[in-house]
Amino acid sequence: GANSGEFELKSDNNGAIYLNIQGLFTKAKRNKVSHLRDLAIETNSPFIVLTETWLTEDILDAEITIPRYILYRSDRANERSHGGCCIYVRADLTSKIILCHSNGTCESLAVKVRNFDTILVCMYRTPYTKLKQFEEALNVVQDAIEETMKTDPKCKTIIQLGDYNFPFLSWPSGIIVVYWTGTFGHFWHFWALL
């Protein structure tokens, strides 16, 4: 449980899925959506979080829909070749978008999943993002989290996933997991080098 520092999502089968998808629906690779659909059906994951979606407003939700999942997305800004993020939440769960933000170099997306009293956050940061731009994006996310926790005091768990492109860090294991308990609740943060 939360007091022991462990976190468990109760779902029918498996836990969450996080992928750096490197182009969810590109002209050259349109089969990634069908593979993701198969993975969703096989695992019955409560949610799927993706970075590097490379989506633009020209790509319709219908083109990347996964049956029995609700799609939330924050598309890349400008004409950048990379970036963007999205979250799929199983349709039998009660979810609501609380943030969709882009400042030109960072995309942020936050979704509240009521069944788990959890906020899912997904961020993408370009490798050339300046500190001020990254701090702005983090502050916008923090404000959304704090506002949600004030209006729903039971919502105390935050799961934040993302592609932060920190070229100055070297993590031999490829994964860093931080668990923090503070005034507003429990906070999980996963960094993955993919």
C-alpha atoms as a PDB file:
ATOM      1  CA  GLY A   1       0.000   0.000   0.000  1.00  0.00           C
ATOM      2  CA  ALA A   2       0.873   3.684  -0.057  1.00  0.00           C
ATOM      3  CA  ASN A   3       2.348   3.674   3.451  1.00  0.00           C
ATOM      4  CA  SER A   4       4.910   1.010   2.581  1.00  0.00           C
ATOM      5  CA  GLY A   5       6.192   2.895  -0.465  1.00  0.00           C
ATOM      6  CA  GLU A   6       4.625   0.408  -2.877  1.00  0.00           C
ATOM      7  CA  PHE A   7       2.187   1.301  -5.609  1.00  0.00           C
ATOM      8  CA  GLU A   8      -0.215  -1.146  -7.178  1.00  0.00           C
ATOM      9  CA  LEU A   9      -2.814  -0.550  -9.840  1.00  0.00           C
ATOM     10  CA  LYS A  10      -5.534  -3.135  -9.702  1.00  0.00           C
ATOM     11  CA  SER A  11      -6.622  -4.074 -13.207  1.00  0.00           C
ATOM     12  CA  ASP A  12      -7.883  -7.241 -14.822  1.00  0.00           C
ATOM     13  CA  ASN A  13      -4.453  -8.333 -16.000  1.00  0.00           C
ATOM     14  CA  ASN A  14      -1.353  -6.188 -16.207  1.00  0.00           C
ATOM     15  CA  GLY A  15      -0.126  -2.760 -15.265  1.00  0.00           C
ATOM     16  CA  ALA A  16       0.472   0.333 -17.287  1.00  0.00           C
ATOM     17  CA  ILE A  17       2.345   0.592 -20.562  1.00  0.00           C
ATOM     18  CA  TYR A  18       4.828   3.377 -21.339  1.00  0.00           C
ATOM     19  CA  LEU A  19       6.503   3.598 -24.761  1.00  0.00           C
ATOM     20  CA  ASN A  20       8.617   6.043 -26.689  1.00  0.00           C
ATOM     21  CA  ILE A  21       6.721   5.206 -29.882  1.00  0.00           C
ATOM     22  CA  GLN A  22       8.867   7.294 -32.290  1.00  0.00           C
ATOM     23  CA  GLY A  23       6.002   8.093 -34.632  1.00  0.00           C
ATOM     24  CA  LEU A  24       2.617   6.583 -33.838  1.00  0.00           C
ATOM     25  CA  PHE A  25       1.089   7.192 -37.258  1.00  0.00           C
ATOM     26  CA  THR A  26       3.622   8.134 -39.915  1.00  0.00           C
ATOM     27  CA  LYS A  27       3.294   7.808 -43.668  1.00  0.00           C
ATOM     28  CA  ALA A  28       5.935   5.098 -43.678  1.00  0.00           C
ATOM     29  CA  LYS A  29       4.754   3.192 -40.582  1.00  0.00           C
ATOM     30  CA  ARG A  30       1.008   3.025 -40.121  1.00  0.00           C
ATOM     31  CA  ASN A  31       1.107  -0.429 -38.530  1.00  0.00           C
ATOM     32  CA  LYS A  32       2.158   0.831 -35.070  1.00  0.00           C
ATOM     33  CA  VAL A  33      -1.448   1.617 -34.167  1.00  0.00           C
ATOM     34  CA  SER A  34      -2.547  -1.947 -34.933  1.00  0.00           C
ATOM     35  CA  HIS A  35       0.357  -3.343 -32.886  1.00  0.00           C
ATOM     36  CA  LEU A  36      -0.601  -1.037 -30.023  1.00  0.00           C
ATOM     37  CA  ARG A  37      -4.225  -2.196 -30.316  1.00  0.00           C
ATOM     38  CA  ASP A  38      -3.087  -5.823 -30.077  1.00  0.00           C
ATOM     39  CA  LEU A  39      -0.947  -5.025 -27.040  1.00  0.00           C
ATOM     40  CA  ALA A  40      -3.859  -3.211 -25.365  1.00  0.00           C
ATOM     41  CA  ILE A  41      -6.209  -6.139 -25.978  1.00  0.00           C
ATOM     42  CA  GLU A  42      -3.653  -8.701 -24.795  1.00  0.00           C
ATOM     43  CA  THR A  43      -2.688  -6.879 -21.592  1.00  0.00           C
ATOM     44  CA  ASN A  44      -5.934  -5.049 -20.764  1.00  0.00           C
ATOM     45  CA  SER A  45      -3.716  -2.286 -19.404  1.00  0.00           C
ATOM     46  CA  PRO A  46      -5.561   0.434 -17.469  1.00  0.00           C
ATOM     47  CA  PHE A  47      -3.613   3.047 -19.408  1.00  0.00           C
ATOM     48  CA  ILE A  48      -1.031   3.443 -22.148  1.00  0.00           C
ATOM     49  CA  VAL A  49       1.301   6.437 -22.141  1.00  0.00           C
ATOM     50  CA  LEU A  50       3.252   7.374 -25.269  1.00  0.00           C
ATOM     51  CA  THR A  51       5.941   9.928 -26.024  1.00  0.00           C
ATOM     52  CA  GLU A  52       7.391  10.912 -29.408  1.00  0.00           C
ATOM     53  CA  THR A  53       3.992  10.420 -31.051  1.00  0.00           C
ATOM     54  CA  TRP A  54       4.906  12.903 -33.811  1.00  0.00           C
ATOM     55  CA  LEU A  55       1.196  13.647 -34.220  1.00  0.00           C
ATOM     56  CA  THR A  56      -0.128  16.858 -35.745  1.00  0.00           C
ATOM     57  CA  GLU A  57      -3.651  18.246 -35.992  1.00  0.00           C
ATOM     58  CA  ASP A  58      -3.828  16.711 -39.507  1.00  0.00           C
ATOM     59  CA  ILE A  59      -4.027  13.230 -37.956  1.00  0.00           C
ATOM     60  CA  LEU A  60      -7.539  12.504 -36.741  1.00  0.00           C
ATOM     61  CA  ASP A  61      -8.326  10.721 -33.482  1.00  0.00           C
ATOM     62  CA  ALA A  62     -10.209   8.129 -35.541  1.00  0.00           C
ATOM     63  CA  GLU A  63      -6.944   7.155 -37.261  1.00  0.00           C
ATOM     64  CA  ILE A  64      -5.257   6.273 -33.974  1.00  0.00           C
ATOM     65  CA  THR A  65      -8.192   5.004 -31.926  1.00  0.00           C
ATOM     66  CA  ILE A  66      -7.853   1.875 -29.832  1.00  0.00           C
ATOM     67  CA  PRO A  67     -11.171   0.130 -29.138  1.00  0.00           C
ATOM     68  CA  ARG A  68     -12.319   0.366 -25.508  1.00  0.00           C
ATOM     69  CA  TYR A  69      -9.817   3.173 -24.771  1.00  0.00           C
ATOM     70  CA  ILE A  70     -10.246   6.933 -24.516  1.00  0.00           C
ATOM     71  CA  LEU A  71      -7.526   8.968 -26.215  1.00  0.00           C
ATOM     72  CA  TYR A  72      -5.996  12.165 -24.822  1.00  0.00           C
ATOM     73  CA  ARG A  73      -3.240  13.866 -26.800  1.00  0.00           C
ATOM     74  CA  SER A  74      -0.854  16.808 -26.800  1.00  0.00           C
ATOM     75  CA  ASP A  75       0.543  17.159 -30.301  1.00  0.00           C
ATOM     76  CA  ARG A  76       3.928  18.561 -31.167  1.00  0.00           C
ATOM     77  CA  ALA A  77       4.124  22.269 -31.712  1.00  0.00           C
ATOM     78  CA  ASN A  78       5.259  24.104 -34.818  1.00  0.00           C
ATOM     79  CA  GLU A  79       6.657  22.022 -37.634  1.00  0.00           C
ATOM     80  CA  ARG A  80       9.001  20.020 -35.404  1.00  0.00           C
ATOM     81  CA  SER A  81       9.850  16.558 -36.642  1.00  0.00           C
ATOM     82  CA  HIS A  82       9.653  14.937 -33.196  1.00  0.00           C
ATOM     83  CA  GLY A  83       7.755  15.265 -29.938  1.00  0.00           C
ATOM     84  CA  GLY A  84       4.196  15.033 -28.764  1.00  0.00           C
ATOM     85  CA  CYS A  85       2.604  12.709 -26.252  1.00  0.00           C
ATOM     86  CA  CYS A  86      -0.661  10.910 -25.661  1.00  0.00           C
ATOM     87  CA  ILE A  87      -2.435   8.859 -23.035  1.00  0.00           C
ATOM     88  CA  TYR A  88      -4.982   6.122 -23.674  1.00  0.00           C
ATOM     89  CA  VAL A  89      -7.196   5.244 -20.699  1.00  0.00           C
ATOM     90  CA  ARG A  90      -9.412   2.178 -20.620  1.00  0.00           C
ATOM     91  CA  ALA A  91     -13.005   3.282 -21.282  1.00  0.00           C
ATOM     92  CA  ASP A  92     -14.388   1.449 -18.251  1.00  0.00           C
ATOM     93  CA  LEU A  93     -12.359   3.796 -16.048  1.00  0.00           C
ATOM     94  CA  THR A  94     -13.503   7.326 -15.249  1.00  0.00           C
ATOM     95  CA  SER A  95     -10.940   9.738 -16.664  1.00  0.00           C
ATOM     96  CA  LYS A  96     -10.752  13.433 -17.393  1.00  0.00           C
ATOM     97  CA  ILE A  97      -8.127  15.640 -18.982  1.00  0.00           C
ATOM     98  CA  ILE A  98      -6.782  18.259 -16.607  1.00  0.00           C
ATOM     99  CA  LEU A  99      -3.964  19.661 -18.752  1.00  0.00           C
ATOM    100  CA  CYS A 100      -2.908  19.836 -22.386  1.00  0.00           C
ATOM    101  CA  HIS A 101      -0.050  22.291 -22.869  1.00  0.00           C
ATOM    102  CA  SER A 102       2.755  23.116 -25.262  1.00  0.00           C
ATOM    103  CA  ASN A 103       5.216  25.981 -25.088  1.00  0.00           C
ATOM    104  CA  GLY A 104       6.892  25.189 -28.395  1.00  0.00           C
ATOM    105  CA  THR A 105       9.580  22.902 -26.958  1.00  0.00           C
ATOM    106  CA  CYS A 106       7.763  20.895 -24.278  1.00  0.00           C
ATOM    107  CA  GLU A 107       4.440  19.091 -24.544  1.00  0.00           C
ATOM    108  CA  SER A 108       2.585  18.209 -21.356  1.00  0.00           C
ATOM    109  CA  LEU A 109      -0.530  16.151 -20.812  1.00  0.00           C
ATOM    110  CA  ALA A 110      -2.247  15.306 -17.518  1.00  0.00           C
ATOM    111  CA  VAL A 111      -5.258  13.051 -17.013  1.00  0.00           C
ATOM    112  CA  LYS A 112      -7.072  12.250 -13.785  1.00  0.00           C
ATOM    113  CA  VAL A 113      -8.131   8.609 -13.378  1.00  0.00           C
ATOM    114  CA  ARG A 114     -10.820   8.670 -10.719  1.00  0.00           C
ATOM    115  CA  ASN A 115     -10.937   4.890 -10.121  1.00  0.00           C
ATOM    116  CA  PHE A 116      -7.329   4.955  -8.891  1.00  0.00           C
ATOM    117  CA  ASP A 117      -7.416   8.471  -7.389  1.00  0.00           C
ATOM    118  CA  THR A 118      -4.437   9.097  -9.634  1.00  0.00           C
ATOM    119  CA  ILE A 119      -3.138  11.788 -11.961  1.00  0.00           C
ATOM    120  CA  LEU A 120      -1.183  10.578 -14.988  1.00  0.00           C
ATOM    121  CA  VAL A 121       1.291  13.065 -16.419  1.00  0.00           C
ATOM    122  CA  CYS A 122       3.176  12.653 -19.662  1.00  0.00           C
ATOM    123  CA  MET A 123       5.789  15.121 -20.898  1.00  0.00           C
ATOM    124  CA  TYR A 124       8.047  15.456 -23.897  1.00  0.00           C
ATOM    125  CA  ARG A 125      11.034  17.825 -23.801  1.00  0.00           C
ATOM    126  CA  THR A 126      13.114  18.494 -26.926  1.00  0.00           C
ATOM    127  CA  PRO A 127      16.886  18.124 -26.565  1.00  0.00           C
ATOM    128  CA  TYR A 128      17.380  21.863 -27.241  1.00  0.00           C
ATOM    129  CA  THR A 129      14.862  23.114 -24.652  1.00  0.00           C
ATOM    130  CA  LYS A 130      16.212  25.983 -22.565  1.00  0.00           C
ATOM    131  CA  LEU A 131      15.989  25.751 -18.775  1.00  0.00           C
ATOM    132  CA  LYS A 132      13.445  28.589 -18.616  1.00  0.00           C
ATOM    133  CA  GLN A 133      11.129  26.793 -21.076  1.00  0.00           C
ATOM    134  CA  PHE A 134      11.403  23.521 -19.174  1.00  0.00           C
ATOM    135  CA  GLU A 135      10.756  25.236 -15.842  1.00  0.00           C
ATOM    136  CA  GLU A 136       7.671  26.890 -17.369  1.00  0.00           C
ATOM    137  CA  ALA A 137       6.329  23.513 -18.521  1.00  0.00           C
ATOM    138  CA  LEU A 138       7.006  21.944 -15.108  1.00  0.00           C
ATOM    139  CA  ASN A 139       5.272  24.838 -13.352  1.00  0.00           C
ATOM    140  CA  VAL A 140       2.188  24.490 -15.562  1.00  0.00           C
ATOM    141  CA  VAL A 141       2.053  20.762 -14.734  1.00  0.00           C
ATOM    142  CA  GLN A 142       2.565  21.430 -11.026  1.00  0.00           C
ATOM    143  CA  ASP A 143      -0.238  24.027 -11.009  1.00  0.00           C
ATOM    144  CA  ALA A 144      -2.632  21.557 -12.679  1.00  0.00           C
ATOM    145  CA  ILE A 145      -1.715  18.837 -10.176  1.00  0.00           C
ATOM    146  CA  GLU A 146      -2.149  21.120  -7.170  1.00  0.00           C
ATOM    147  CA  GLU A 147      -5.493  22.461  -8.423  1.00  0.00           C
ATOM    148  CA  THR A 148      -6.793  18.933  -9.001  1.00  0.00           C
ATOM    149  CA  MET A 149      -5.658  17.791  -5.561  1.00  0.00           C
ATOM    150  CA  LYS A 150      -7.364  20.779  -3.934  1.00  0.00           C
ATOM    151  CA  THR A 151     -10.692  20.039  -5.643  1.00  0.00           C
ATOM    152  CA  ASP A 152     -10.400  16.276  -5.101  1.00  0.00           C
ATOM    153  CA  PRO A 153      -8.523  15.538  -1.840  1.00  0.00           C
ATOM    154  CA  LYS A 154      -8.710  11.762  -2.440  1.00  0.00           C
ATOM    155  CA  CYS A 155      -6.562  12.162  -5.557  1.00  0.00           C
ATOM    156  CA  LYS A 156      -3.109  11.750  -3.992  1.00  0.00           C
ATOM    157  CA  THR A 157      -1.067   9.673  -6.408  1.00  0.00           C
ATOM    158  CA  ILE A 158       0.806  11.133  -9.371  1.00  0.00           C
ATOM    159  CA  ILE A 159       2.484   9.022 -12.004  1.00  0.00           C
ATOM    160  CA  GLN A 160       4.693  11.107 -14.271  1.00  0.00           C
ATOM    161  CA  LEU A 161       6.315   9.597 -17.325  1.00  0.00           C
ATOM    162  CA  GLY A 162       8.166  11.282 -20.098  1.00  0.00           C
ATOM    163  CA  ASP A 163      10.972  11.687 -22.562  1.00  0.00           C
ATOM    164  CA  TYR A 164      13.142  14.461 -21.146  1.00  0.00           C
ATOM    165  CA  ASN A 165      16.120  14.252 -23.516  1.00  0.00           C
ATOM    166  CA  PHE A 166      18.752  15.099 -20.928  1.00  0.00           C
ATOM    167  CA  PRO A 167      21.958  14.588 -22.956  1.00  0.00           C
ATOM    168  CA  PHE A 168      24.144  15.480 -19.962  1.00  0.00           C
ATOM    169  CA  LEU A 169      22.981  12.498 -17.882  1.00  0.00           C
ATOM    170  CA  SER A 170      24.173   8.917 -18.171  1.00  0.00           C
ATOM    171  CA  TRP A 171      22.129   6.250 -16.414  1.00  0.00           C
ATOM    172  CA  PRO A 172      23.752   2.829 -16.895  1.00  0.00           C
ATOM    173  CA  SER A 173      20.609   0.944 -15.848  1.00  0.00           C
ATOM    174  CA  GLY A 174      18.468   2.986 -18.259  1.00  0.00           C
ATOM    175  CA  ILE A 175      15.738   3.547 -15.664  1.00  0.00           C
ATOM    176  CA  ILE A 176      15.491   5.881 -12.698  1.00  0.00           C
ATOM    177  CA  VAL A 177      12.504   5.612 -10.360  1.00  0.00           C
ATOM    178  CA  VAL A 178      11.826   8.228  -7.707  1.00  0.00           C
ATOM    179  CA  TYR A 179       9.150   7.847  -5.053  1.00  0.00           C
ATOM    180  CA  TRP A 180       8.236  10.842  -2.931  1.00  0.00           C
ATOM    181  CA  THR A 181       5.557  11.488  -0.347  1.00  0.00           C
ATOM    182  CA  GLY A 182       4.740  15.098   0.351  1.00  0.00           C
ATOM    183  CA  THR A 183       2.024  17.495   1.369  1.00  0.00           C
ATOM    184  CA  PHE A 184      -0.113  16.711  -1.658  1.00  0.00           C
ATOM    185  CA  GLY A 185       0.343  12.943  -1.665  1.00  0.00           C
ATOM    186  CA  HIS A 186       2.436  10.299  -3.353  1.00  0.00           C
ATOM    187  CA  PHE A 187       4.541  11.007  -6.419  1.00  0.00           C
ATOM    188  CA  TRP A 188       6.087   8.478  -8.753  1.00  0.00           C
ATOM    189  CA  HIS A 189       8.427   9.658 -11.470  1.00  0.00           C
ATOM    190  CA  PHE A 190       9.939   7.329 -14.045  1.00  0.00           C
ATOM    191  CA  TRP A 191      12.708   8.218 -16.445  1.00  0.00           C
ATOM    192  CA  ALA A 192      13.534   5.700 -19.113  1.00  0.00           C
ATOM    193  CA  LEU A 193      16.324   5.799 -21.644  1.00  0.00           C
ATOM    194  CA  LEU A 194      15.037   4.132 -24.769  1.00  0.00           C
END
